[in-house]
């Protein structure tokens, strides 16, 4: 697996230094002396009443085609239908036993 195992972490402080500074004999002392006064930036993308966090987007749920689309591997659009602005597509949740689509906060609507 590539990427985070969790989806929310504490903010990360990045400190900046010159690339050639590593060869300097004072490098170790400098490295250990990094503090909030050193040039740095804090990475965070969520700030709420619980605190500040670095949060990654959770992956979308896995879906499988269902119904006629799965059977035929194609669909036909009829311009003479009653509702030309809608196309009904059936999908299946292959992970239904552990998590329902309705429980996924990123899904906007399920009919």
PDB file of N, CA and C in Angstrom:
ATOM      1  N   UNK A   1       0.818  -1.195   0.000  1.00  0.00           N
ATOM      2  CA  UNK A   1       0.000   0.000   0.000  1.00  0.00           C
ATOM      3  C   UNK A   1       0.860   1.257   0.000  1.00  0.00           C
ATOM      4  N   UNK A   2       0.507   2.203  -0.832  1.00  0.00           N
ATOM      5  CA  UNK A   2       1.223   3.469  -0.900  1.00  0.00           C
ATOM      6  C   UNK A   2       0.362   4.519  -0.205  1.00  0.00           C
ATOM      7  N   UNK A   3       1.008   5.400   0.521  1.00  0.00           N
ATOM      8  CA  UNK A   3       0.265   6.494   1.145  1.00  0.00           C
ATOM      9  C   UNK A   3       0.015   6.261   2.612  1.00  0.00           C
ATOM     10  N   UNK A   4      -0.803   7.107   3.186  1.00  0.00           N
ATOM     11  CA  UNK A   4      -1.014   7.061   4.631  1.00  0.00           C
ATOM     12  C   UNK A   4      -1.826   5.850   5.061  1.00  0.00           C
ATOM     13  N   UNK A   5      -1.539   5.363   6.267  1.00  0.00           N
ATOM     14  CA  UNK A   5      -2.351   4.295   6.847  1.00  0.00           C
ATOM     15  C   UNK A   5      -3.513   4.906   7.611  1.00  0.00           C
ATOM     16  N   UNK A   6      -3.297   6.088   8.139  1.00  0.00           N
ATOM     17  CA  UNK A   6      -4.353   6.849   8.793  1.00  0.00           C
ATOM     18  C   UNK A   6      -4.724   7.981   7.853  1.00  0.00           C
ATOM     19  N   UNK A   7      -5.772   8.687   8.167  1.00  0.00           N
ATOM     20  CA  UNK A   7      -6.166   9.784   7.297  1.00  0.00           C
ATOM     21  C   UNK A   7      -6.068  11.133   7.987  1.00  0.00           C
ATOM     22  N   UNK A   8      -5.718  11.134   9.291  1.00  0.00           N
ATOM     23  CA  UNK A   8      -5.568  12.393  10.009  1.00  0.00           C
ATOM     24  C   UNK A   8      -4.315  12.313  10.887  1.00  0.00           C
ATOM     25  N   UNK A   9      -3.457  13.322  10.757  1.00  0.00           N
ATOM     26  CA  UNK A   9      -2.196  13.379  11.488  1.00  0.00           C
ATOM     27  C   UNK A   9      -2.062  14.737  12.158  1.00  0.00           C
ATOM     28  N   UNK A  10      -1.168  14.814  13.118  1.00  0.00           N
ATOM     29  CA  UNK A  10      -0.823  16.106  13.698  1.00  0.00           C
ATOM     30  C   UNK A  10      -0.129  16.948  12.635  1.00  0.00           C
ATOM     31  N   UNK A  11      -0.197  18.286  12.748  1.00  0.00           N
ATOM     32  CA  UNK A  11       0.506  19.133  11.776  1.00  0.00           C
ATOM     33  C   UNK A  11       1.995  18.796  11.728  1.00  0.00           C
ATOM     34  N   UNK A  12       2.605  19.049  10.591  1.00  0.00           N
ATOM     35  CA  UNK A  12       4.023  18.756  10.387  1.00  0.00           C
ATOM     36  C   UNK A  12       4.766  20.075  10.221  1.00  0.00           C
ATOM     37  N   UNK A  13       5.842  20.267  11.003  1.00  0.00           N
ATOM     38  CA  UNK A  13       6.683  21.460  10.861  1.00  0.00           C
ATOM     39  C   UNK A  13       7.838  21.145   9.921  1.00  0.00           C
ATOM     40  N   UNK A  14       7.991  21.947   8.884  1.00  0.00           N
ATOM     41  CA  UNK A  14       9.124  21.824   7.965  1.00  0.00           C
ATOM     42  C   UNK A  14      10.079  22.975   8.235  1.00  0.00           C
ATOM     43  N   UNK A  15      11.354  22.636   8.461  1.00  0.00           N
ATOM     44  CA  UNK A  15      12.384  23.645   8.710  1.00  0.00           C
ATOM     45  C   UNK A  15      13.258  23.764   7.467  1.00  0.00           C
ATOM     46  N   UNK A  16      13.732  24.963   7.202  1.00  0.00           N
ATOM     47  CA  UNK A  16      14.520  25.233   6.006  1.00  0.00           C
ATOM     48  C   UNK A  16      15.949  25.584   6.388  1.00  0.00           C
ATOM     49  N   UNK A  17      16.900  25.101   5.573  1.00  0.00           N
ATOM     50  CA  UNK A  17      18.310  25.426   5.765  1.00  0.00           C
ATOM     51  C   UNK A  17      18.992  25.389   4.411  1.00  0.00           C
ATOM     52  N   UNK A  18      20.201  25.895   4.353  1.00  0.00           N
ATOM     53  CA  UNK A  18      20.964  25.866   3.107  1.00  0.00           C
ATOM     54  C   UNK A  18      21.438  24.447   2.838  1.00  0.00           C
ATOM     55  N   UNK A  19      21.430  24.044   1.580  1.00  0.00           N
ATOM     56  CA  UNK A  19      21.843  22.692   1.222  1.00  0.00           C
ATOM     57  C   UNK A  19      23.324  22.456   1.503  1.00  0.00           C
ATOM     58  N   UNK A  20      24.168  23.459   1.351  1.00  0.00           N
ATOM     59  CA  UNK A  20      25.604  23.278   1.556  1.00  0.00           C
ATOM     60  C   UNK A  20      25.976  23.298   3.043  1.00  0.00           C
ATOM     61  N   UNK A  21      25.019  23.586   3.906  1.00  0.00           N
ATOM     62  CA  UNK A  21      25.311  23.702   5.327  1.00  0.00           C
ATOM     63  C   UNK A  21      25.658  22.358   5.964  1.00  0.00           C
ATOM     64  N   UNK A  22      25.250  21.266   5.329  1.00  0.00           N
ATOM     65  CA  UNK A  22      25.467  19.932   5.882  1.00  0.00           C
ATOM     66  C   UNK A  22      26.954  19.611   6.052  1.00  0.00           C
ATOM     67  N   UNK A  23      27.820  20.163   5.202  1.00  0.00           N
ATOM     68  CA  UNK A  23      29.256  19.892   5.288  1.00  0.00           C
ATOM     69  C   UNK A  23      29.948  20.711   6.371  1.00  0.00           C
ATOM     70  N   UNK A  24      29.251  21.632   6.953  1.00  0.00           N
ATOM     71  CA  UNK A  24      29.811  22.492   7.987  1.00  0.00           C
ATOM     72  C   UNK A  24      29.932  21.712   9.292  1.00  0.00           C
ATOM     73  N   UNK A  25      31.025  21.951  10.047  1.00  0.00           N
ATOM     74  CA  UNK A  25      31.249  21.248  11.316  1.00  0.00           C
ATOM     75  C   UNK A  25      30.180  21.593  12.357  1.00  0.00           C
ATOM     76  N   UNK A  26      29.531  22.733  12.212  1.00  0.00           N
ATOM     77  CA  UNK A  26      28.497  23.138  13.157  1.00  0.00           C
ATOM     78  C   UNK A  26      27.117  22.592  12.782  1.00  0.00           C
ATOM     79  N   UNK A  27      27.082  21.769  11.745  1.00  0.00           N
ATOM     80  CA  UNK A  27      25.801  21.266  11.257  1.00  0.00           C
ATOM     81  C   UNK A  27      25.009  20.564  12.349  1.00  0.00           C
ATOM     82  N   UNK A  28      25.644  19.647  13.074  1.00  0.00           N
ATOM     83  CA  UNK A  28      24.931  18.889  14.109  1.00  0.00           C
ATOM     84  C   UNK A  28      24.363  19.819  15.172  1.00  0.00           C
ATOM     85  N   UNK A  29      25.164  20.798  15.604  1.00  0.00           N
ATOM     86  CA  UNK A  29      24.661  21.738  16.601  1.00  0.00           C
ATOM     87  C   UNK A  29      23.489  22.537  16.063  1.00  0.00           C
ATOM     88  N   UNK A  30      23.600  22.943  14.809  1.00  0.00           N
ATOM     89  CA  UNK A  30      22.518  23.706  14.185  1.00  0.00           C
ATOM     90  C   UNK A  30      21.253  22.857  14.070  1.00  0.00           C
ATOM     91  N   UNK A  31      21.418  21.622  13.638  1.00  0.00           N
ATOM     92  CA  UNK A  31      20.282  20.728  13.436  1.00  0.00           C
ATOM     93  C   UNK A  31      19.512  20.536  14.745  1.00  0.00           C
ATOM     94  N   UNK A  32      20.240  20.353  15.848  1.00  0.00           N
ATOM     95  CA  UNK A  32      19.584  20.144  17.141  1.00  0.00           C
ATOM     96  C   UNK A  32      19.043  21.445  17.727  1.00  0.00           C
ATOM     97  N   UNK A  33      19.483  22.558  17.221  1.00  0.00           N
ATOM     98  CA  UNK A  33      19.043  23.839  17.760  1.00  0.00           C
ATOM     99  C   UNK A  33      17.824  24.395  17.019  1.00  0.00           C
ATOM    100  N   UNK A  34      17.295  23.632  16.061  1.00  0.00           N
ATOM    101  CA  UNK A  34      16.119  24.110  15.343  1.00  0.00           C
ATOM    102  C   UNK A  34      14.995  24.371  16.332  1.00  0.00           C
ATOM    103  N   UNK A  35      14.382  25.491  16.198  1.00  0.00           N
ATOM    104  CA  UNK A  35      13.289  25.850  17.096  1.00  0.00           C
ATOM    105  C   UNK A  35      12.248  26.608  16.319  1.00  0.00           C
ATOM    106  N   UNK A  36      11.256  27.089  17.000  1.00  0.00           N
ATOM    107  CA  UNK A  36      10.194  27.832  16.329  1.00  0.00           C
ATOM    108  C   UNK A  36      10.715  29.145  15.734  1.00  0.00           C
ATOM    109  N   UNK A  37      11.902  29.590  16.170  1.00  0.00           N
ATOM    110  CA  UNK A  37      12.455  30.820  15.602  1.00  0.00           C
ATOM    111  C   UNK A  37      13.180  30.557  14.279  1.00  0.00           C
ATOM    112  N   UNK A  38      13.461  29.303  13.944  1.00  0.00           N
ATOM    113  CA  UNK A  38      14.100  28.965  12.672  1.00  0.00           C
ATOM    114  C   UNK A  38      13.077  29.110  11.554  1.00  0.00           C
ATOM    115  N   UNK A  39      13.562  29.376  10.323  1.00  0.00           N
ATOM    116  CA  UNK A  39      12.621  29.476   9.205  1.00  0.00           C
ATOM    117  C   UNK A  39      11.891  28.146   9.024  1.00  0.00           C
ATOM    118  N   UNK A  40      10.585  28.171   9.152  1.00  0.00           N
ATOM    119  CA  UNK A  40       9.819  26.939   9.008  1.00  0.00           C
ATOM    120  C   UNK A  40       8.380  27.267   8.588  1.00  0.00           C
ATOM    121  N   UNK A  41       7.689  26.223   8.206  1.00  0.00           N
ATOM    122  CA  UNK A  41       6.276  26.329   7.872  1.00  0.00           C
ATOM    123  C   UNK A  41       5.572  25.106   8.475  1.00  0.00           C
ATOM    124  N   UNK A  42       4.363  25.308   8.946  1.00  0.00           N
ATOM    125  CA  UNK A  42       3.576  24.216   9.498  1.00  0.00           C
ATOM    126  C   UNK A  42       2.546  23.781   8.463  1.00  0.00           C
ATOM    127  N   UNK A  43       2.583  22.494   8.114  1.00  0.00           N
ATOM    128  CA  UNK A  43       1.623  21.954   7.156  1.00  0.00           C
ATOM    129  C   UNK A  43       0.394  21.450   7.899  1.00  0.00           C
ATOM    130  N   UNK A  44      -0.746  22.029   7.569  1.00  0.00           N
ATOM    131  CA  UNK A  44      -2.028  21.589   8.108  1.00  0.00           C
ATOM    132  C   UNK A  44      -3.097  22.008   7.128  1.00  0.00           C
ATOM    133  N   UNK A  45      -4.140  21.248   7.029  1.00  0.00           N
ATOM    134  CA  UNK A  45      -5.217  21.635   6.122  1.00  0.00           C
ATOM    135  C   UNK A  45      -6.593  21.580   6.780  1.00  0.00           C
ATOM    136  N   UNK A  46      -6.638  21.245   8.079  1.00  0.00           N
ATOM    137  CA  UNK A  46      -7.895  21.243   8.820  1.00  0.00           C
ATOM    138  C   UNK A  46      -7.657  21.952  10.136  1.00  0.00           C
ATOM    139  N   UNK A  47      -8.533  22.875  10.442  1.00  0.00           N
ATOM    140  CA  UNK A  47      -8.477  23.534  11.745  1.00  0.00           C
ATOM    141  C   UNK A  47      -9.918  23.690  12.217  1.00  0.00           C
ATOM    142  N   UNK A  48     -10.216  23.042  13.359  1.00  0.00           N
ATOM    143  CA  UNK A  48     -11.569  23.114  13.905  1.00  0.00           C
ATOM    144  C   UNK A  48     -11.506  23.128  15.429  1.00  0.00           C
ATOM    145  N   UNK A  49     -12.637  22.926  16.086  1.00  0.00           N
ATOM    146  CA  UNK A  49     -12.681  22.985  17.546  1.00  0.00           C
ATOM    147  C   UNK A  49     -11.847  21.886  18.205  1.00  0.00           C
ATOM    148  N   UNK A  50     -11.532  20.815  17.463  1.00  0.00           N
ATOM    149  CA  UNK A  50     -10.705  19.722  17.997  1.00  0.00           C
ATOM    150  C   UNK A  50      -9.217  19.997  17.853  1.00  0.00           C
ATOM    151  N   UNK A  51      -8.847  20.993  17.049  1.00  0.00           N
ATOM    152  CA  UNK A  51      -7.443  21.331  16.850  1.00  0.00           C
ATOM    153  C   UNK A  51      -7.091  21.472  15.385  1.00  0.00           C
ATOM    154  N   UNK A  52      -5.781  21.400  15.106  1.00  0.00           N
ATOM    155  CA  UNK A  52      -5.265  21.502  13.743  1.00  0.00           C
ATOM    156  C   UNK A  52      -4.737  20.138  13.321  1.00  0.00           C
ATOM    157  N   UNK A  53      -4.953  19.793  12.052  1.00  0.00           N
ATOM    158  CA  UNK A  53      -4.559  18.479  11.554  1.00  0.00           C
ATOM    159  C   UNK A  53      -4.087  18.570  10.112  1.00  0.00           C
ATOM    160  N   UNK A  54      -3.345  17.565   9.720  1.00  0.00           N
ATOM    161  CA  UNK A  54      -3.011  17.328   8.325  1.00  0.00           C
ATOM    162  C   UNK A  54      -3.863  16.127   7.935  1.00  0.00           C
ATOM    163  N   UNK A  55      -4.841  16.355   7.065  1.00  0.00           N
ATOM    164  CA  UNK A  55      -5.811  15.308   6.757  1.00  0.00           C
ATOM    165  C   UNK A  55      -5.728  14.928   5.293  1.00  0.00           C
ATOM    166  N   UNK A  56      -5.680  13.624   5.034  1.00  0.00           N
ATOM    167  CA  UNK A  56      -5.661  13.093   3.675  1.00  0.00           C
ATOM    168  C   UNK A  56      -7.074  12.695   3.272  1.00  0.00           C
ATOM    169  N   UNK A  57      -7.373  12.760   2.001  1.00  0.00           N
ATOM    170  CA  UNK A  57      -8.683  12.372   1.488  1.00  0.00           C
ATOM    171  C   UNK A  57      -8.778  10.847   1.517  1.00  0.00           C
ATOM    172  N   UNK A  58      -9.891  10.356   2.014  1.00  0.00           N
ATOM    173  CA  UNK A  58     -10.120   8.911   2.040  1.00  0.00           C
ATOM    174  C   UNK A  58     -10.440   8.438   0.628  1.00  0.00           C
ATOM    175  N   UNK A  59     -10.042   7.225   0.289  1.00  0.00           N
ATOM    176  CA  UNK A  59     -10.317   6.737  -1.063  1.00  0.00           C
ATOM    177  C   UNK A  59     -11.822   6.581  -1.308  1.00  0.00           C
ATOM    178  N   UNK A  60     -12.205   6.715  -2.548  1.00  0.00           N
ATOM    179  CA  UNK A  60     -13.600   6.518  -2.917  1.00  0.00           C
ATOM    180  C   UNK A  60     -13.960   5.038  -2.736  1.00  0.00           C
ATOM    181  N   UNK A  61     -15.226   4.770  -2.457  1.00  0.00           N
ATOM    182  CA  UNK A  61     -15.619   3.367  -2.302  1.00  0.00           C
ATOM    183  C   UNK A  61     -15.531   2.631  -3.633  1.00  0.00           C
ATOM    184  N   UNK A  62     -15.232   1.369  -3.556  1.00  0.00           N
ATOM    185  CA  UNK A  62     -15.180   0.536  -4.755  1.00  0.00           C
ATOM    186  C   UNK A  62     -16.604   0.270  -5.215  1.00  0.00           C
ATOM    187  N   UNK A  63     -16.818   0.312  -6.506  1.00  0.00           N
ATOM    188  CA  UNK A  63     -18.144   0.025  -7.064  1.00  0.00           C
ATOM    189  C   UNK A  63     -18.002  -0.972  -8.200  1.00  0.00           C
ATOM    190  N   UNK A  64     -19.095  -1.685  -8.468  1.00  0.00           N
ATOM    191  CA  UNK A  64     -19.161  -2.585  -9.618  1.00  0.00           C
ATOM    192  C   UNK A  64     -20.428  -2.267 -10.385  1.00  0.00           C
ATOM    193  N   UNK A  65     -20.381  -2.397 -11.690  1.00  0.00           N
ATOM    194  CA  UNK A  65     -21.590  -2.214 -12.492  1.00  0.00           C
ATOM    195  C   UNK A  65     -22.566  -3.321 -12.138  1.00  0.00           C
ATOM    196  N   UNK A  66     -23.857  -3.024 -12.282  1.00  0.00           N
ATOM    197  CA  UNK A  66     -24.902  -4.013 -11.997  1.00  0.00           C
ATOM    198  C   UNK A  66     -25.979  -3.923 -13.070  1.00  0.00           C
ATOM    199  N   UNK A  67     -26.905  -4.849 -13.032  1.00  0.00           N
ATOM    200  CA  UNK A  67     -28.048  -4.836 -13.949  1.00  0.00           C
ATOM    201  C   UNK A  67     -27.655  -5.014 -15.398  1.00  0.00           C
ATOM    202  N   UNK A  68     -28.409  -4.349 -16.271  1.00  0.00           N
ATOM    203  CA  UNK A  68     -28.206  -4.495 -17.713  1.00  0.00           C
ATOM    204  C   UNK A  68     -26.832  -3.995 -18.155  1.00  0.00           C
ATOM    205  N   UNK A  69     -26.321  -2.975 -17.498  1.00  0.00           N
ATOM    206  CA  UNK A  69     -25.008  -2.443 -17.884  1.00  0.00           C
ATOM    207  C   UNK A  69     -23.916  -3.496 -17.674  1.00  0.00           C
ATOM    208  N   UNK A  70     -24.007  -4.236 -16.584  1.00  0.00           N
ATOM    209  CA  UNK A  70     -23.020  -5.301 -16.354  1.00  0.00           C
ATOM    210  C   UNK A  70     -23.225  -6.431 -17.356  1.00  0.00           C
ATOM    211  N   UNK A  71     -24.485  -6.790 -17.575  1.00  0.00           N
ATOM    212  CA  UNK A  71     -24.787  -7.901 -18.483  1.00  0.00           C
ATOM    213  C   UNK A  71     -24.384  -7.585 -19.918  1.00  0.00           C
ATOM    214  N   UNK A  72     -24.760  -6.388 -20.403  1.00  0.00           N
ATOM    215  CA  UNK A  72     -24.540  -6.043 -21.813  1.00  0.00           C
ATOM    216  C   UNK A  72     -23.218  -5.338 -22.075  1.00  0.00           C
ATOM    217  N   UNK A  73     -22.582  -4.812 -21.024  1.00  0.00           N
ATOM    218  CA  UNK A  73     -21.333  -4.058 -21.146  1.00  0.00           C
ATOM    219  C   UNK A  73     -21.499  -2.822 -22.035  1.00  0.00           C
ATOM    220  N   UNK A  74     -22.731  -2.310 -22.123  1.00  0.00           N
ATOM    221  CA  UNK A  74     -23.000  -1.096 -22.885  1.00  0.00           C
ATOM    222  C   UNK A  74     -24.380  -0.587 -22.486  1.00  0.00           C
ATOM    223  N   UNK A  75     -24.726   0.603 -22.956  1.00  0.00           N
ATOM    224  CA  UNK A  75     -26.069   1.127 -22.734  1.00  0.00           C
ATOM    225  C   UNK A  75     -26.508   1.916 -23.951  1.00  0.00           C
ATOM    226  N   UNK A  76     -27.805   2.082 -24.066  1.00  0.00           N
ATOM    227  CA  UNK A  76     -28.386   2.766 -25.204  1.00  0.00           C
ATOM    228  C   UNK A  76     -29.186   3.949 -24.684  1.00  0.00           C
ATOM    229  N   UNK A  77     -28.975   5.126 -25.270  1.00  0.00           N
ATOM    230  CA  UNK A  77     -29.718   6.321 -24.899  1.00  0.00           C
ATOM    231  C   UNK A  77     -30.758   6.565 -25.984  1.00  0.00           C
ATOM    232  N   UNK A  78     -32.006   6.667 -25.564  1.00  0.00           N
ATOM    233  CA  UNK A  78     -33.115   6.882 -26.495  1.00  0.00           C
ATOM    234  C   UNK A  78     -33.545   8.342 -26.406  1.00  0.00           C
ATOM    235  N   UNK A  79     -33.385   9.104 -27.482  1.00  0.00           N
ATOM    236  CA  UNK A  79     -33.745  10.529 -27.484  1.00  0.00           C
ATOM    237  C   UNK A  79     -35.243  10.746 -27.347  1.00  0.00           C
ATOM    238  N   UNK A  80     -36.040   9.719 -27.575  1.00  0.00           N
ATOM    239  CA  UNK A  80     -37.492   9.854 -27.474  1.00  0.00           C
ATOM    240  C   UNK A  80     -38.026   9.440 -26.102  1.00  0.00           C
ATOM    241  N   UNK A  81     -37.143   9.202 -25.138  1.00  0.00           N
ATOM    242  CA  UNK A  81     -37.620   8.843 -23.803  1.00  0.00           C
ATOM    243  C   UNK A  81     -38.341   9.996 -23.154  1.00  0.00           C
ATOM    244  N   UNK A  82     -39.091   9.656 -22.128  1.00  0.00           N
ATOM    245  CA  UNK A  82     -39.824  10.682 -21.379  1.00  0.00           C
ATOM    246  C   UNK A  82     -38.869  11.642 -20.675  1.00  0.00           C
ATOM    247  N   UNK A  83     -37.758  11.146 -20.200  1.00  0.00           N
ATOM    248  CA  UNK A  83     -36.814  11.996 -19.466  1.00  0.00           C
ATOM    249  C   UNK A  83     -35.421  11.858 -20.087  1.00  0.00           C
ATOM    250  N   UNK A  84     -35.099  12.744 -21.013  1.00  0.00           N
ATOM    251  CA  UNK A  84     -33.811  12.678 -21.714  1.00  0.00           C
ATOM    252  C   UNK A  84     -32.670  13.239 -20.870  1.00  0.00           C
ATOM    253  N   UNK A  85     -32.969  13.869 -19.722  1.00  0.00           N
ATOM    254  CA  UNK A  85     -31.938  14.448 -18.867  1.00  0.00           C
ATOM    255  C   UNK A  85     -31.426  13.480 -17.805  1.00  0.00           C
ATOM    256  N   UNK A  86     -31.968  12.276 -17.764  1.00  0.00           N
ATOM    257  CA  UNK A  86     -31.542  11.293 -16.767  1.00  0.00           C
ATOM    258  C   UNK A  86     -31.146   9.997 -17.437  1.00  0.00           C
ATOM    259  N   UNK A  87     -30.158   9.357 -16.846  1.00  0.00           N
ATOM    260  CA  UNK A  87     -29.746   8.030 -17.275  1.00  0.00           C
ATOM    261  C   UNK A  87     -29.578   7.202 -16.017  1.00  0.00           C
ATOM    262  N   UNK A  88     -30.406   6.219 -15.828  1.00  0.00           N
ATOM    263  CA  UNK A  88     -30.333   5.390 -14.633  1.00  0.00           C
ATOM    264  C   UNK A  88     -29.260   4.324 -14.827  1.00  0.00           C
ATOM    265  N   UNK A  89     -28.321   4.293 -13.891  1.00  0.00           N
ATOM    266  CA  UNK A  89     -27.245   3.305 -13.909  1.00  0.00           C
ATOM    267  C   UNK A  89     -27.241   2.606 -12.563  1.00  0.00           C
ATOM    268  N   UNK A  90     -27.234   1.307 -12.584  1.00  0.00           N
ATOM    269  CA  UNK A  90     -27.194   0.534 -11.347  1.00  0.00           C
ATOM    270  C   UNK A  90     -25.762   0.130 -11.042  1.00  0.00           C
ATOM    271  N   UNK A  91     -25.382   0.300  -9.779  1.00  0.00           N
ATOM    272  CA  UNK A  91     -24.058  -0.144  -9.334  1.00  0.00           C
ATOM    273  C   UNK A  91     -24.241  -1.050  -8.132  1.00  0.00           C
ATOM    274  N   UNK A  92     -23.207  -1.789  -7.819  1.00  0.00           N
ATOM    275  CA  UNK A  92     -23.215  -2.703  -6.692  1.00  0.00           C
ATOM    276  C   UNK A  92     -22.028  -2.400  -5.798  1.00  0.00           C
ATOM    277  N   UNK A  93     -22.233  -2.517  -4.496  1.00  0.00           N
ATOM    278  CA  UNK A  93     -21.167  -2.321  -3.517  1.00  0.00           C
ATOM    279  C   UNK A  93     -20.553  -3.681  -3.189  1.00  0.00           C
ATOM    280  N   UNK A  94     -19.357  -3.979  -3.698  1.00  0.00           N
ATOM    281  CA  UNK A  94     -18.754  -5.292  -3.431  1.00  0.00           C
ATOM    282  C   UNK A  94     -18.330  -5.470  -1.969  1.00  0.00           C
ATOM    283  N   UNK A  95     -18.297  -4.370  -1.209  1.00  0.00           N
ATOM    284  CA  UNK A  95     -17.875  -4.427   0.196  1.00  0.00           C
ATOM    285  C   UNK A  95     -19.064  -4.172   1.132  1.00  0.00           C
ATOM    286  N   UNK A  96     -20.261  -4.546   0.694  1.00  0.00           N
ATOM    287  CA  UNK A  96     -21.486  -4.251   1.432  1.00  0.00           C
ATOM    288  C   UNK A  96     -21.476  -4.810   2.851  1.00  0.00           C
ATOM    289  N   UNK A  97     -20.868  -5.963   3.049  1.00  0.00           N
ATOM    290  CA  UNK A  97     -20.897  -6.604   4.375  1.00  0.00           C
ATOM    291  C   UNK A  97     -20.144  -5.794   5.432  1.00  0.00           C
ATOM    292  N   UNK A  98     -19.160  -4.983   5.022  1.00  0.00           N
ATOM    293  CA  UNK A  98     -18.398  -4.222   6.014  1.00  0.00           C
ATOM    294  C   UNK A  98     -18.734  -2.730   6.028  1.00  0.00           C
ATOM    295  N   UNK A  99     -19.221  -2.184   4.903  1.00  0.00           N
ATOM    296  CA  UNK A  99     -19.554  -0.754   4.890  1.00  0.00           C
ATOM    297  C   UNK A  99     -20.575  -0.453   3.800  1.00  0.00           C
ATOM    298  N   UNK A 100     -21.639   0.231   4.179  1.00  0.00           N
ATOM    299  CA  UNK A 100     -22.698   0.571   3.236  1.00  0.00           C
ATOM    300  C   UNK A 100     -22.389   1.903   2.561  1.00  0.00           C
ATOM    301  N   UNK A 101     -22.882   2.072   1.327  1.00  0.00           N
ATOM    302  CA  UNK A 101     -22.707   3.342   0.626  1.00  0.00           C
ATOM    303  C   UNK A 101     -23.314   4.493   1.422  1.00  0.00           C
ATOM    304  N   UNK A 102     -24.434   4.258   2.084  1.00  0.00           N
ATOM    305  CA  UNK A 102     -25.099   5.308   2.845  1.00  0.00           C
ATOM    306  C   UNK A 102     -24.216   5.848   3.958  1.00  0.00           C
ATOM    307  N   UNK A 103     -23.246   5.054   4.419  1.00  0.00           N
ATOM    308  CA  UNK A 103     -22.346   5.472   5.493  1.00  0.00           C
ATOM    309  C   UNK A 103     -21.144   6.264   4.984  1.00  0.00           C
ATOM    310  N   UNK A 104     -20.996   6.378   3.693  1.00  0.00           N
ATOM    311  CA  UNK A 104     -19.878   7.118   3.102  1.00  0.00           C
ATOM    312  C   UNK A 104     -20.230   8.592   3.024  1.00  0.00           C
ATOM    313  N   UNK A 105     -19.522   9.428   3.766  1.00  0.00           N
ATOM    314  CA  UNK A 105     -19.855  10.849   3.825  1.00  0.00           C
ATOM    315  C   UNK A 105     -19.607  11.585   2.514  1.00  0.00           C
ATOM    316  N   UNK A 106     -18.738  11.068   1.648  1.00  0.00           N
ATOM    317  CA  UNK A 106     -18.421  11.767   0.402  1.00  0.00           C
ATOM    318  C   UNK A 106     -19.460  11.574  -0.683  1.00  0.00           C
ATOM    319  N   UNK A 107     -20.313  10.541  -0.561  1.00  0.00           N
ATOM    320  CA  UNK A 107     -21.357  10.334  -1.551  1.00  0.00           C
ATOM    321  C   UNK A 107     -22.456  11.371  -1.343  1.00  0.00           C
ATOM    322  N   UNK A 108     -22.835  12.056  -2.372  1.00  0.00           N
ATOM    323  CA  UNK A 108     -23.805  13.142  -2.265  1.00  0.00           C
ATOM    324  C   UNK A 108     -25.237  12.631  -2.242  1.00  0.00           C
ATOM    325  N   UNK A 109     -25.570  11.665  -3.078  1.00  0.00           N
ATOM    326  CA  UNK A 109     -26.937  11.146  -3.068  1.00  0.00           C
ATOM    327  C   UNK A 109     -26.946   9.706  -3.563  1.00  0.00           C
ATOM    328  N   UNK A 110     -27.838   8.947  -2.965  1.00  0.00           N
ATOM    329  CA  UNK A 110     -28.022   7.550  -3.334  1.00  0.00           C
ATOM    330  C   UNK A 110     -29.519   7.349  -3.509  1.00  0.00           C
ATOM    331  N   UNK A 111     -29.940   6.849  -4.647  1.00  0.00           N
ATOM    332  CA  UNK A 111     -31.373   6.647  -4.902  1.00  0.00           C
ATOM    333  C   UNK A 111     -31.710   5.180  -4.826  1.00  0.00           C
TER     334      UNK A 111
END
